[in-house]
Amino acid sequence: MRSPLLSILLVTVAAACVLLPGVGSAPLWDEDEPKNAACSLAMLDSADWVVPTFNGDLRVEKPPLINWVQLAGVSLLGRNEAGIRIGSAVLTIGSCLLSWWLGRLLAGPLVGLLTGLIMASCIWTAIGGRAATPDAPLVFCTTLAAAIFVHAIHRGIPGQISWWHAVGIGVACGLAMLAKGPIGIVLPLAAFIILFWWQATAPDRGQLARLQAAVAGVRPLTVTCFACAIALPWYLLVTLRTGGRWLEEFVLVHNVGRFTAPMEGHDGSLLYYPAVITLGLFPWSLVILAVPLHAWFTWRSTPRTDARRLPLAFATCWATVWVGTFSLAGTKLPGYIWPAYPALALATASYLTDWLNGQTGWEHRLWRRLSPGSVMHLGWASLGIVGCGFLIGLPLIARRYAPGDEWLGLIGLVPMVAAGLAATSQQKQQPRLALATLAVSAVTLLALLGGLAAVRFSQHQGTAGLIAAIPPAARPGNWAGLHPVRPSLVFYTGRRVDSLPDVAACLEHLRSNPSARLVIPNNRLAELLPELPADCQLLSVRPASFDPGLAVIGRTDTPANETLAQQPTTFRPDRLERF
């Protein structure tokens, strides 16, 4: 694929097909999406773009770049799911194009195209790329830093980047610091230094001298100065405006605290991220075991002048820094290692390109009966098995959580058919057609999962439908909910939602506020009914699905359902089932 314009078009179309369908149709998913969205709207309403708040309180979890991105989306598409999410999708398309660029610079047009397509059409890009979270801005900024670094080593002196490249990296890392904090500069610099140290060619120098040369070659002072020029003004402003509280809690709780101990139940063993990568890189992870073996044997068996070594070295350093760091952290989440995916895509693309060109050769060394063709046939078989799992599993999930949508299991036919066509193409000595089939099926599968299945399943979430079922005239009021209050309530009500500790506090809220609105789980209604004021109404009810069922109780002049005073004093669960 010699034409860069055609490659850019293919990667852009693939990423857009994966990310854009249904981006504004599915309600925001608790917890992070509505928190970020409500924080962004609070900034817009208060005209304060410095201090992040959620539900009227200071929000210390994340810096503001995601909020600024969402404000741009809202200004274009409105205060809705599309406006909140479009910025993440656009930045992720940019990340896919940057992945193509760095792959092309390091290993040529075909590897570059495959790197961009793999990044664009893997499951975690489809998930994280359409989510209203800081992950998409972070991945774009860190991938930009990586691409500028790759351009530097492609054009410059080995082991040293130019001053202008250091400036570009510093700007990208500064934006990354505004996306998620110190990791935005610490981890990219660590990966660059390790690569230069590993690639040092002076055998007569000791390891310490080589490390010092590697550090100097990255120009960390220049990078840091320009990163601070971008990020430090906001950090200083928010520190002054909050009396140091934001910075203290962000650093000590949400950086040091999350690294040293699990938070919010998000922990895991050292096998956590290998499992996450296997799932997140699907369907390209069908060769996930072959990729590191190929990299190892290529590195061991080729001379230092072999052009395939540098992309593998870069991919190894970049991915190891991100995955290794968060493997040691106490708190583990799949999105933490998404910045490593461009490197994982590059390593996978390198293997697939060498397979196309007949340059693998490690298979028979591992086992004499193993061949490159048989490795890929195992991959096609695994793709078909996963498709069968979709065909059977999606209807079972739909029957439990989304009755009537069992037909979504037909999506599983896409990988099943693709597996058969790819295996047939390989059998006919058409390996490029086999990979093209995999790429097309990956885009089709993820477009259907994100643009159709996720939208259909999301309609069974409680909060968005719960609020939408209330007549607009009845929505204003003094809102509260039984602890813990779902973040999506804050976004969809557009108001502060007080968190009440127990049922007694809920009753007091209803009695003391004429415009009270109370959100409570359905399974707690039995405790409320005997004591409720006679003029309260059941304004809206959503049955349990992916989340526990919810009900809204309050007073209104607009007739809703029957008043709770008209219901039996003895709570009957079968009466609730009809709502």
Protein backbone atom coordinates (compact mmCIF):
# COMPACT_ATOMS: atom_id res chain seq x y z
CA MET A 1 0.00 0.00 0.00
CA ARG A 2 2.32 2.71 -1.34
CA SER A 3 -0.16 5.60 -1.43
CA PRO A 4 -0.37 7.32 1.95
CA LEU A 5 -3.66 9.01 0.97
CA LEU A 6 -5.36 5.68 0.31
CA SER A 7 -4.05 4.29 3.61
CA ILE A 8 -5.28 7.37 5.47
CA LEU A 9 -8.70 6.96 3.86
CA LEU A 10 -8.92 3.26 4.74
CA VAL A 11 -7.92 3.78 8.38
CA THR A 12 -10.25 6.77 8.76
CA VAL A 13 -13.23 4.94 7.25
CA ALA A 14 -12.57 1.85 9.38
CA ALA A 15 -12.31 3.89 12.58
CA ALA A 16 -15.38 5.97 11.73
CA CYS A 17 -17.45 2.85 10.99
CA VAL A 18 -16.44 1.38 14.35
CA LEU A 19 -16.87 4.51 16.47
CA LEU A 20 -19.67 6.65 15.05
CA PRO A 21 -22.72 4.37 14.66
CA GLY A 22 -24.98 4.80 17.68
CA VAL A 23 -22.60 7.20 19.44
CA GLY A 24 -25.51 9.42 20.44
CA SER A 25 -28.21 6.77 20.73
CA ALA A 26 -27.15 4.85 23.82
CA PRO A 27 -27.68 6.50 27.24
CA LEU A 28 -24.59 7.28 29.29
CA TRP A 29 -23.33 4.31 31.24
CA ASP A 30 -22.70 4.65 34.98
CA GLU A 31 -20.35 5.49 36.64
CA ASP A 32 -17.72 7.52 34.78
CA GLU A 33 -19.56 8.76 31.70
CA PRO A 34 -22.30 10.73 33.50
CA LYS A 35 -19.81 12.06 36.07
CA ASN A 36 -17.63 13.52 33.32
CA ALA A 37 -20.66 14.79 31.40
CA ALA A 38 -22.31 16.45 34.40
CA CYS A 39 -18.97 18.03 35.35
CA SER A 40 -18.63 19.45 31.82
CA LEU A 41 -22.15 20.91 31.86
CA ALA A 42 -21.48 22.42 35.29
CA MET A 43 -18.43 24.17 33.81
CA LEU A 44 -20.56 25.44 30.95
CA ASP A 45 -23.37 26.70 33.17
CA SER A 46 -21.04 28.41 35.65
CA ALA A 47 -18.64 29.74 32.97
CA ASP A 48 -15.85 28.33 35.17
CA TRP A 49 -13.49 26.16 33.13
CA VAL A 50 -10.94 25.85 35.92
CA VAL A 51 -12.54 24.14 38.93
CA PRO A 52 -14.26 20.83 38.12
CA THR A 53 -17.40 20.04 40.12
CA PHE A 54 -19.91 17.22 40.19
CA ASN A 55 -23.32 17.41 41.85
CA GLY A 56 -22.30 20.69 43.46
CA ASP A 57 -19.10 19.32 45.03
CA LEU A 58 -15.45 19.57 44.02
CA ARG A 59 -14.43 16.74 41.70
CA VAL A 60 -10.83 15.68 42.25
CA GLU A 61 -10.62 12.45 40.25
CA LYS A 62 -9.52 13.83 36.88
CA PRO A 63 -7.94 16.92 35.27
CA PRO A 64 -10.16 18.92 32.90
CA LEU A 65 -9.09 18.02 29.35
CA ILE A 66 -12.00 15.60 28.87
CA ASN A 67 -14.39 18.31 30.07
CA TRP A 68 -12.98 20.85 27.63
CA VAL A 69 -13.29 18.31 24.82
CA GLN A 70 -16.89 17.62 25.79
CA LEU A 71 -17.70 21.33 25.91
CA ALA A 72 -16.58 21.58 22.29
CA GLY A 73 -18.83 18.65 21.39
CA VAL A 74 -21.79 20.10 23.25
CA SER A 75 -21.36 23.43 21.47
CA LEU A 76 -21.65 21.58 18.14
CA LEU A 77 -24.24 18.88 18.81
CA GLY A 78 -26.08 20.03 21.94
CA ARG A 79 -26.42 18.87 25.55
CA ASN A 80 -26.97 15.23 24.72
CA GLU A 81 -25.13 11.92 24.43
CA ALA A 82 -23.82 12.72 20.94
CA GLY A 83 -22.40 16.06 22.05
CA ILE A 84 -20.79 14.46 25.09
CA ARG A 85 -19.21 11.54 23.21
CA ILE A 86 -18.26 12.96 19.82
CA GLY A 87 -14.98 14.42 21.07
CA SER A 88 -13.77 11.03 22.28
CA ALA A 89 -14.65 9.44 18.94
CA VAL A 90 -12.86 12.11 16.90
CA LEU A 91 -9.73 11.93 19.06
CA THR A 92 -9.72 8.13 18.77
CA ILE A 93 -9.87 8.37 14.98
CA GLY A 94 -6.85 10.64 15.33
CA SER A 95 -5.10 8.01 17.48
CA CYS A 96 -5.67 5.39 14.77
CA LEU A 97 -4.15 7.69 12.14
CA LEU A 98 -1.16 8.40 14.39
CA SER A 99 -0.72 4.64 14.86
CA TRP A 100 -0.69 4.25 11.06
CA TRP A 101 1.91 7.02 10.77
CA LEU A 102 4.34 5.64 13.34
CA GLY A 103 3.96 2.14 11.89
CA ARG A 104 4.69 3.46 8.41
CA LEU A 105 7.76 5.38 9.58
CA LEU A 106 9.17 2.41 11.47
CA ALA A 107 8.41 -0.48 9.15
CA GLY A 108 6.96 0.64 5.84
CA PRO A 109 3.57 1.17 4.18
CA LEU A 110 2.03 -2.28 4.72
CA VAL A 111 2.94 -2.49 8.40
CA GLY A 112 1.69 1.08 8.82
CA LEU A 113 -1.66 0.28 7.20
CA LEU A 114 -2.13 -2.86 9.27
CA THR A 115 -1.15 -1.01 12.46
CA GLY A 116 -3.78 1.65 11.81
CA LEU A 117 -6.45 -0.92 10.93
CA ILE A 118 -5.71 -3.07 13.98
CA MET A 119 -5.89 -0.04 16.26
CA ALA A 120 -9.14 1.05 14.59
CA SER A 121 -10.91 -2.31 14.66
CA CYS A 122 -10.17 -3.92 18.01
CA ILE A 123 -12.75 -4.25 20.75
CA TRP A 124 -11.20 -1.86 23.26
CA THR A 125 -10.96 0.94 20.71
CA ALA A 126 -14.67 0.41 20.01
CA ILE A 127 -15.42 0.63 23.74
CA GLY A 128 -13.04 3.33 24.93
CA GLY A 129 -13.21 5.35 21.75
CA ARG A 130 -16.91 6.11 22.12
CA ALA A 131 -16.88 6.50 25.91
CA ALA A 132 -17.10 9.92 27.57
CA THR A 133 -13.98 9.33 29.69
CA PRO A 134 -10.43 10.79 29.84
CA ASP A 135 -8.99 7.67 28.18
CA ALA A 136 -9.51 8.82 24.57
CA PRO A 137 -7.76 12.20 25.10
CA LEU A 138 -4.92 10.46 26.96
CA VAL A 139 -4.41 7.88 24.21
CA PHE A 140 -4.41 10.56 21.51
CA CYS A 141 -1.85 12.69 23.36
CA THR A 142 0.50 9.83 24.26
CA THR A 143 0.27 8.35 20.76
CA LEU A 144 1.07 11.81 19.37
CA ALA A 145 4.15 11.93 21.60
CA ALA A 146 5.14 8.46 20.41
CA ALA A 147 4.65 9.38 16.76
CA ILE A 148 6.77 12.53 17.10
CA PHE A 149 9.50 10.47 18.79
CA VAL A 150 9.38 7.91 16.00
CA HIS A 151 9.64 10.70 13.43
CA ALA A 152 12.68 11.98 15.32
CA ILE A 153 14.54 8.67 15.25
CA HIS A 154 13.46 8.13 11.63
CA ARG A 155 14.96 11.44 10.51
CA GLY A 156 17.64 12.25 13.08
CA ILE A 157 20.83 10.99 14.65
CA PRO A 158 20.61 7.51 16.28
CA GLY A 159 20.11 7.83 20.02
CA GLN A 160 19.19 11.50 19.98
CA ILE A 161 16.14 13.58 19.10
CA SER A 162 16.23 17.15 17.85
CA TRP A 163 15.25 20.17 19.91
CA TRP A 164 12.14 20.71 17.82
CA HIS A 165 11.02 17.12 18.27
CA ALA A 166 11.52 17.52 22.01
CA VAL A 167 9.28 20.59 21.91
CA GLY A 168 6.55 18.63 20.10
CA ILE A 169 6.81 15.76 22.55
CA GLY A 170 6.65 18.22 25.45
CA VAL A 171 3.46 19.81 24.12
CA ALA A 172 1.85 16.39 23.62
CA CYS A 173 2.87 15.25 27.10
CA GLY A 174 1.59 18.50 28.61
CA LEU A 175 -1.82 17.82 27.10
CA ALA A 176 -1.60 14.25 28.37
CA MET A 177 -1.00 15.64 31.87
CA LEU A 178 -4.20 17.64 31.49
CA ALA A 179 -5.94 14.42 30.50
CA LYS A 180 -4.85 12.17 33.36
CA GLY A 181 -2.01 13.60 35.37
CA PRO A 182 1.71 12.81 35.78
CA ILE A 183 1.58 9.51 33.89
CA GLY A 184 1.13 11.59 30.75
CA ILE A 185 4.80 12.54 30.83
CA VAL A 186 6.48 10.02 33.12
CA LEU A 187 5.61 6.87 31.16
CA PRO A 188 6.35 8.20 27.65
CA LEU A 189 9.76 9.52 28.77
CA ALA A 190 10.51 6.20 30.47
CA ALA A 191 9.72 4.28 27.27
CA PHE A 192 11.88 6.57 25.12
CA ILE A 193 14.84 6.38 27.49
CA ILE A 194 14.63 2.59 27.74
CA LEU A 195 14.57 2.28 23.93
CA PHE A 196 17.66 4.49 23.49
CA TRP A 197 19.44 2.62 26.26
CA TRP A 198 18.56 -0.74 24.70
CA GLN A 199 19.56 0.40 21.20
CA ALA A 200 22.92 1.88 22.26
CA THR A 201 25.69 0.55 19.98
CA ALA A 202 28.84 1.39 21.99
CA PRO A 203 30.02 -1.94 23.46
CA ASP A 204 33.00 -0.31 25.15
CA ARG A 205 30.79 1.84 27.41
CA GLY A 206 29.31 0.63 30.67
CA GLN A 207 25.61 0.33 31.34
CA LEU A 208 25.53 3.49 33.43
CA ALA A 209 27.23 5.53 30.71
CA ARG A 210 24.81 4.15 28.13
CA LEU A 211 21.87 5.03 30.37
CA GLN A 212 23.17 8.58 30.84
CA ALA A 213 23.55 8.94 27.07
CA ALA A 214 20.01 7.62 26.57
CA VAL A 215 18.60 10.15 29.03
CA ALA A 216 20.49 12.99 27.38
CA GLY A 217 19.33 11.85 23.94
CA VAL A 218 15.67 12.22 24.89
CA ARG A 219 16.22 15.84 26.06
CA PRO A 220 14.04 15.39 29.17
CA LEU A 221 14.60 18.96 30.39
CA THR A 222 13.24 20.44 27.15
CA VAL A 223 10.33 18.00 27.11
CA THR A 224 9.48 18.74 30.74
CA CYS A 225 9.71 22.51 30.34
CA PHE A 226 7.29 22.60 27.44
CA ALA A 227 4.99 20.07 29.09
CA CYS A 228 4.85 22.28 32.18
CA ALA A 229 4.23 25.34 30.02
CA ILE A 230 1.09 23.62 28.73
CA ALA A 231 -0.19 21.96 31.92
CA LEU A 232 1.18 23.99 34.84
CA PRO A 233 -1.02 27.10 34.44
CA TRP A 234 -4.21 25.12 35.02
CA TYR A 235 -2.69 23.12 37.90
CA LEU A 236 -1.61 26.35 39.59
CA LEU A 237 -5.00 27.99 39.08
CA VAL A 238 -6.99 25.06 40.43
CA THR A 239 -4.63 24.79 43.40
CA LEU A 240 -5.08 28.46 44.26
CA ARG A 241 -8.83 28.41 43.69
CA THR A 242 -9.37 25.35 45.93
CA GLY A 243 -6.84 26.17 48.63
CA GLY A 244 -4.69 23.22 47.58
CA ARG A 245 -7.47 20.67 48.15
CA TRP A 246 -7.79 19.57 44.52
CA LEU A 247 -4.08 18.94 44.04
CA GLU A 248 -3.67 17.19 47.39
CA GLU A 249 -6.54 14.76 46.88
CA PHE A 250 -5.74 14.16 43.22
CA VAL A 251 -2.10 13.29 43.88
CA LEU A 252 -2.40 11.47 47.20
CA VAL A 253 -5.71 9.66 46.66
CA HIS A 254 -6.17 9.20 42.93
CA ASN A 255 -2.53 8.68 41.97
CA VAL A 256 -0.52 7.41 44.93
CA GLY A 257 -3.55 5.81 46.57
CA ARG A 258 -4.73 4.01 43.43
CA PHE A 259 -1.23 2.73 42.74
CA THR A 260 -0.53 1.43 46.22
CA ALA A 261 -3.90 -0.21 46.96
CA PRO A 262 -7.05 -1.34 45.15
CA MET A 263 -9.83 1.23 45.07
CA GLU A 264 -13.55 0.68 44.43
CA GLY A 265 -12.99 -3.06 44.14
CA HIS A 266 -10.79 -2.80 41.02
CA ASP A 267 -7.95 -5.22 41.64
CA GLY A 268 -6.44 -8.25 39.94
CA SER A 269 -3.43 -10.52 39.66
CA LEU A 270 -0.49 -10.24 37.26
CA LEU A 271 -2.58 -12.19 34.76
CA TYR A 272 -5.23 -9.47 34.71
CA TYR A 273 -3.78 -7.40 31.87
CA PRO A 274 -2.79 -10.35 29.62
CA ALA A 275 -6.45 -11.38 29.80
CA VAL A 276 -7.56 -7.79 29.14
CA ILE A 277 -5.28 -7.54 26.10
CA THR A 278 -6.57 -10.83 24.70
CA LEU A 279 -10.12 -9.54 24.90
CA GLY A 280 -9.39 -5.90 24.05
CA LEU A 281 -7.32 -6.65 20.93
CA PHE A 282 -9.92 -9.07 19.52
CA PRO A 283 -10.33 -10.11 16.72
CA TRP A 284 -6.67 -9.43 15.97
CA SER A 285 -5.68 -11.24 19.15
CA LEU A 286 -6.27 -14.54 17.35
CA VAL A 287 -2.45 -14.52 16.88
CA ILE A 288 -1.67 -13.15 20.33
CA LEU A 289 0.58 -16.06 21.28
CA ALA A 290 2.45 -15.96 17.98
CA VAL A 291 3.31 -12.25 18.19
CA PRO A 292 5.74 -12.33 21.17
CA LEU A 293 7.29 -15.59 19.93
CA HIS A 294 7.87 -14.06 16.53
CA ALA A 295 9.37 -10.92 18.09
CA TRP A 296 11.71 -12.97 20.26
CA PHE A 297 12.96 -15.22 17.47
CA THR A 298 13.34 -12.27 15.09
CA TRP A 299 15.43 -10.39 17.63
CA ARG A 300 17.59 -13.43 18.38
CA SER A 301 18.15 -14.57 14.81
CA THR A 302 18.61 -11.39 12.79
CA PRO A 303 21.62 -9.07 12.57
CA ARG A 304 21.52 -5.61 14.13
CA THR A 305 21.09 -4.09 10.70
CA ASP A 306 17.79 -5.90 10.06
CA ALA A 307 15.07 -3.28 9.55
CA ARG A 308 12.51 -5.38 11.45
CA ARG A 309 14.30 -4.99 14.77
CA LEU A 310 13.59 -1.31 15.44
CA PRO A 311 9.76 -1.48 15.24
CA LEU A 312 9.80 -4.55 17.48
CA ALA A 313 12.11 -2.80 19.96
CA PHE A 314 9.89 0.29 20.04
CA ALA A 315 6.72 -1.78 20.45
CA THR A 316 8.33 -3.80 23.24
CA CYS A 317 9.51 -0.75 25.20
CA TRP A 318 6.29 1.23 24.81
CA ALA A 319 3.97 -1.66 25.66
CA THR A 320 6.13 -2.95 28.51
CA VAL A 321 6.25 0.45 30.24
CA TRP A 322 2.46 0.89 30.18
CA VAL A 323 1.43 -2.68 30.89
CA GLY A 324 4.25 -3.30 33.37
CA THR A 325 3.57 -0.15 35.37
CA PHE A 326 -0.12 -0.80 35.79
CA SER A 327 0.44 -4.49 36.47
CA LEU A 328 2.29 -3.38 39.61
CA ALA A 329 -0.50 -0.96 40.59
CA GLY A 330 -3.03 -1.94 43.23
CA THR A 331 -5.98 -0.58 41.26
CA LYS A 332 -6.50 -2.18 37.85
CA LEU A 333 -8.90 -1.19 35.09
CA PRO A 334 -8.89 -2.23 31.41
CA GLY A 335 -8.64 1.36 30.19
CA TYR A 336 -5.40 2.02 32.06
CA ILE A 337 -3.35 0.18 29.42
CA TRP A 338 -5.16 1.44 26.34
CA PRO A 339 -2.19 3.76 25.55
CA ALA A 340 -0.19 0.56 24.95
CA TYR A 341 -2.47 -0.55 22.11
CA PRO A 342 -0.68 1.33 19.29
CA ALA A 343 2.47 -0.63 20.19
CA LEU A 344 0.53 -3.89 20.44
CA ALA A 345 -1.02 -3.14 17.05
CA LEU A 346 2.46 -2.45 15.62
CA ALA A 347 3.84 -5.77 16.91
CA THR A 348 0.81 -7.66 15.56
CA ALA A 349 1.11 -5.90 12.18
CA SER A 350 4.82 -6.77 12.02
CA TYR A 351 4.06 -10.44 12.57
CA LEU A 352 1.24 -10.53 10.00
CA THR A 353 3.42 -8.75 7.42
CA ASP A 354 6.26 -11.22 7.94
CA TRP A 355 3.72 -14.05 7.62
CA LEU A 356 2.57 -12.60 4.29
CA ASN A 357 6.18 -12.33 3.11
CA GLY A 358 7.20 -15.78 4.35
CA GLN A 359 9.66 -14.33 6.88
CA THR A 360 8.58 -15.98 10.11
CA GLY A 361 10.39 -19.31 10.38
CA TRP A 362 10.22 -19.64 14.15
CA GLU A 363 7.33 -22.10 14.09
CA HIS A 364 9.31 -25.22 13.22
CA ARG A 365 11.96 -24.26 15.80
CA LEU A 366 9.30 -24.28 18.46
CA TRP A 367 7.79 -27.56 17.24
CA ARG A 368 8.86 -29.31 14.08
CA ARG A 369 5.28 -30.08 13.02
CA LEU A 370 4.21 -26.45 13.40
CA SER A 371 4.15 -24.26 10.30
CA PRO A 372 3.22 -20.61 9.64
CA GLY A 373 0.09 -21.76 7.87
CA SER A 374 -1.05 -23.96 10.73
CA VAL A 375 -0.62 -21.08 13.20
CA MET A 376 -2.99 -18.93 11.15
CA HIS A 377 -5.44 -21.80 10.72
CA LEU A 378 -5.57 -22.07 14.52
CA GLY A 379 -6.33 -18.35 14.55
CA TRP A 380 -9.19 -18.71 12.07
CA ALA A 381 -10.58 -21.59 14.12
CA SER A 382 -10.51 -19.47 17.28
CA LEU A 383 -12.31 -16.68 15.40
CA GLY A 384 -15.05 -19.09 14.40
CA ILE A 385 -15.36 -20.38 17.96
CA VAL A 386 -15.78 -16.85 19.31
CA GLY A 387 -18.42 -16.20 16.66
CA CYS A 388 -20.26 -19.30 17.83
CA GLY A 389 -20.04 -17.94 21.36
CA PHE A 390 -21.72 -14.72 20.22
CA LEU A 391 -24.39 -16.71 18.39
CA ILE A 392 -25.27 -18.62 21.56
CA GLY A 393 -24.35 -16.16 24.30
CA LEU A 394 -26.01 -12.94 23.10
CA PRO A 395 -29.52 -14.47 23.00
CA LEU A 396 -29.03 -15.83 26.53
CA ILE A 397 -27.93 -12.42 27.80
CA ALA A 398 -30.79 -10.73 25.94
CA ARG A 399 -33.34 -13.15 27.39
CA ARG A 400 -32.21 -12.17 30.87
CA TYR A 401 -31.62 -8.44 30.48
CA ALA A 402 -33.23 -7.32 27.19
CA PRO A 403 -36.22 -9.53 26.35
CA GLY A 404 -37.17 -9.32 22.71
CA ASP A 405 -33.63 -8.69 21.46
CA GLU A 406 -32.54 -12.31 21.29
CA TRP A 407 -32.09 -11.90 17.51
CA LEU A 408 -28.89 -9.95 18.22
CA GLY A 409 -27.15 -13.32 18.43
CA LEU A 410 -27.11 -13.31 14.62
CA ILE A 411 -24.17 -10.90 14.90
CA GLY A 412 -22.09 -13.97 15.72
CA LEU A 413 -22.43 -15.06 12.09
CA VAL A 414 -20.00 -12.29 11.06
CA PRO A 415 -16.86 -13.80 12.66
CA MET A 416 -18.03 -17.32 11.82
CA VAL A 417 -18.38 -16.54 8.12
CA ALA A 418 -15.15 -14.51 8.16
CA ALA A 419 -13.26 -17.43 9.69
CA GLY A 420 -14.44 -19.73 6.91
CA LEU A 421 -13.64 -17.27 4.12
CA ALA A 422 -10.21 -16.43 5.55
CA ALA A 423 -9.26 -20.09 5.95
CA THR A 424 -10.41 -20.78 2.39
CA SER A 425 -8.42 -17.84 1.04
CA GLN A 426 -5.30 -19.03 2.82
CA GLN A 427 -5.83 -22.54 1.46
CA LYS A 428 -5.94 -21.05 -2.05
CA GLN A 429 -2.62 -19.27 -1.45
CA GLN A 430 -4.27 -15.86 -1.09
CA PRO A 431 -3.04 -14.68 2.33
CA ARG A 432 -3.65 -11.00 1.58
CA LEU A 433 -7.30 -11.74 0.85
CA ALA A 434 -7.48 -13.62 4.15
CA LEU A 435 -6.21 -10.59 6.07
CA ALA A 436 -8.52 -8.28 4.12
CA THR A 437 -11.41 -10.53 5.13
CA LEU A 438 -10.35 -10.31 8.77
CA ALA A 439 -10.15 -6.51 8.60
CA VAL A 440 -13.57 -6.11 6.98
CA SER A 441 -15.19 -8.54 9.40
CA ALA A 442 -13.59 -6.80 12.39
CA VAL A 443 -15.02 -3.43 11.33
CA THR A 444 -18.43 -4.97 10.58
CA LEU A 445 -18.55 -6.88 13.86
CA LEU A 446 -17.65 -3.86 15.99
CA ALA A 447 -20.00 -1.54 14.09
CA LEU A 448 -22.84 -3.97 14.82
CA LEU A 449 -21.86 -4.48 18.46
CA GLY A 450 -21.41 -0.77 19.17
CA GLY A 451 -24.02 0.73 16.88
CA LEU A 452 -26.76 -1.88 17.29
CA ALA A 453 -26.30 -4.34 20.16
CA ALA A 454 -25.05 -1.79 22.70
CA VAL A 455 -27.84 0.62 21.76
CA ARG A 456 -30.52 -2.05 22.08
CA PHE A 457 -29.18 -3.29 25.42
CA SER A 458 -28.77 0.24 26.75
CA GLN A 459 -32.48 0.91 26.33
CA HIS A 460 -32.97 -1.41 29.31
CA GLN A 461 -30.83 0.74 31.60
CA GLY A 462 -32.80 2.37 34.35
CA THR A 463 -31.87 6.03 34.67
CA ALA A 464 -32.35 7.58 31.23
CA GLY A 465 -35.68 5.86 30.65
CA LEU A 466 -36.73 6.54 34.22
CA ILE A 467 -36.41 10.31 33.76
CA ALA A 468 -37.75 10.29 30.19
CA ALA A 469 -40.98 8.65 31.40
CA ILE A 470 -41.75 11.62 33.68
CA PRO A 471 -43.78 14.41 32.00
CA PRO A 472 -41.50 17.42 31.39
CA ALA A 473 -43.67 19.63 33.61
CA ALA A 474 -43.13 17.22 36.52
CA ARG A 475 -39.32 17.01 36.25
CA PRO A 476 -38.35 20.21 38.09
CA GLY A 477 -38.10 19.77 41.82
CA ASN A 478 -35.91 19.06 44.80
CA TRP A 479 -34.25 15.77 43.85
CA ALA A 480 -32.75 13.23 46.23
CA GLY A 481 -31.96 9.55 46.21
CA LEU A 482 -31.17 6.76 48.61
CA HIS A 483 -27.39 6.41 48.99
CA PRO A 484 -25.52 5.78 46.78
CA VAL A 485 -26.95 8.12 44.17
CA ARG A 486 -26.24 7.11 40.60
CA PRO A 487 -24.16 9.69 38.71
CA SER A 488 -26.47 9.37 35.70
CA LEU A 489 -29.30 10.89 37.78
CA VAL A 490 -27.34 14.11 38.05
CA PHE A 491 -26.86 14.27 34.28
CA TYR A 492 -30.39 13.32 33.23
CA THR A 493 -32.19 15.46 35.80
CA GLY A 494 -29.87 18.39 35.16
CA ARG A 495 -29.99 19.19 38.87
CA ARG A 496 -28.26 18.44 42.12
CA VAL A 497 -29.38 15.12 43.58
CA ASP A 498 -28.89 14.87 47.34
CA SER A 499 -27.74 11.55 48.77
CA LEU A 500 -29.88 10.35 51.69
CA PRO A 501 -28.49 7.82 54.15
CA ASP A 502 -31.60 5.77 54.93
CA VAL A 503 -35.33 5.32 54.43
CA ALA A 504 -36.16 7.62 57.34
CA ALA A 505 -34.28 10.46 55.63
CA CYS A 506 -36.15 9.68 52.40
CA LEU A 507 -39.50 10.03 54.19
CA GLU A 508 -38.43 13.30 55.77
CA HIS A 509 -37.39 14.60 52.35
CA LEU A 510 -40.85 13.85 50.95
CA ARG A 511 -42.68 15.36 53.91
CA SER A 512 -40.67 18.58 54.17
CA ASN A 513 -40.36 19.53 50.48
CA PRO A 514 -43.51 20.27 48.46
CA SER A 515 -41.55 19.78 45.23
CA ALA A 516 -39.68 16.70 46.45
CA ARG A 517 -38.54 14.04 43.99
CA LEU A 518 -37.19 10.82 45.48
CA VAL A 519 -35.35 8.12 43.53
CA ILE A 520 -35.28 4.78 45.28
CA PRO A 521 -34.56 1.16 44.30
CA ASN A 522 -37.70 -0.89 43.73
CA ASN A 523 -36.66 -3.39 46.36
CA ARG A 524 -36.83 -0.67 49.03
CA LEU A 525 -40.36 0.50 48.19
CA ALA A 526 -41.90 -1.88 50.69
CA GLU A 527 -40.23 0.06 53.50
CA LEU A 528 -41.62 3.38 52.24
CA LEU A 529 -45.22 2.67 51.27
CA PRO A 530 -46.82 2.40 54.72
CA GLU A 531 -45.41 5.79 55.81
CA LEU A 532 -45.69 7.92 52.68
CA PRO A 533 -47.72 11.15 52.54
CA ALA A 534 -51.10 10.56 50.91
CA ASP A 535 -50.51 13.04 48.07
CA CYS A 536 -47.36 11.39 46.75
CA GLN A 537 -47.41 9.76 43.36
CA LEU A 538 -45.40 7.12 41.62
CA LEU A 539 -44.01 9.27 38.80
CA SER A 540 -41.93 6.65 37.03
CA VAL A 541 -40.75 3.07 37.47
CA ARG A 542 -38.12 1.05 35.64
CA PRO A 543 -37.83 -2.70 36.25
CA ALA A 544 -34.51 -4.34 37.05
CA SER A 545 -32.29 -5.19 34.08
CA PHE A 546 -28.54 -4.53 33.94
CA ASP A 547 -29.02 -2.48 37.08
CA PRO A 548 -31.52 -2.70 39.95
CA GLY A 549 -34.98 -1.33 39.23
CA LEU A 550 -35.68 2.28 40.18
CA ALA A 551 -38.75 4.32 41.07
CA VAL A 552 -39.38 8.06 41.29
CA ILE A 553 -41.84 9.30 43.92
CA GLY A 554 -43.06 12.85 44.34
CA ARG A 555 -45.89 15.35 44.23
CA THR A 556 -47.07 16.90 41.00
CA ASP A 557 -50.11 18.63 39.55
CA THR A 558 -49.70 16.52 36.43
CA PRO A 559 -51.49 13.15 36.73
CA ALA A 560 -49.00 10.32 36.57
CA ASN A 561 -49.76 6.81 37.74
CA GLU A 562 -52.05 6.07 40.67
CA THR A 563 -51.14 7.82 43.89
CA LEU A 564 -49.37 5.67 46.39
CA ALA A 565 -52.16 6.42 48.86
CA GLN A 566 -54.47 4.44 46.57
CA GLN A 567 -52.20 1.40 46.67
CA PRO A 568 -52.61 -1.33 49.30
CA THR A 569 -50.79 -0.65 52.54
CA THR A 570 -49.23 -4.09 52.23
CA PHE A 571 -46.60 -4.02 49.51
CA ARG A 572 -47.02 -6.65 46.83
CA PRO A 573 -44.08 -7.21 44.47
CA ASP A 574 -46.43 -8.57 41.81
CA ARG A 575 -48.09 -5.12 41.56
CA LEU A 576 -44.73 -3.56 40.71
CA GLU A 577 -44.05 -6.00 37.89
CA ARG A 578 -46.63 -4.33 35.69
CA PHE A 579 -44.70 -1.04 35.53
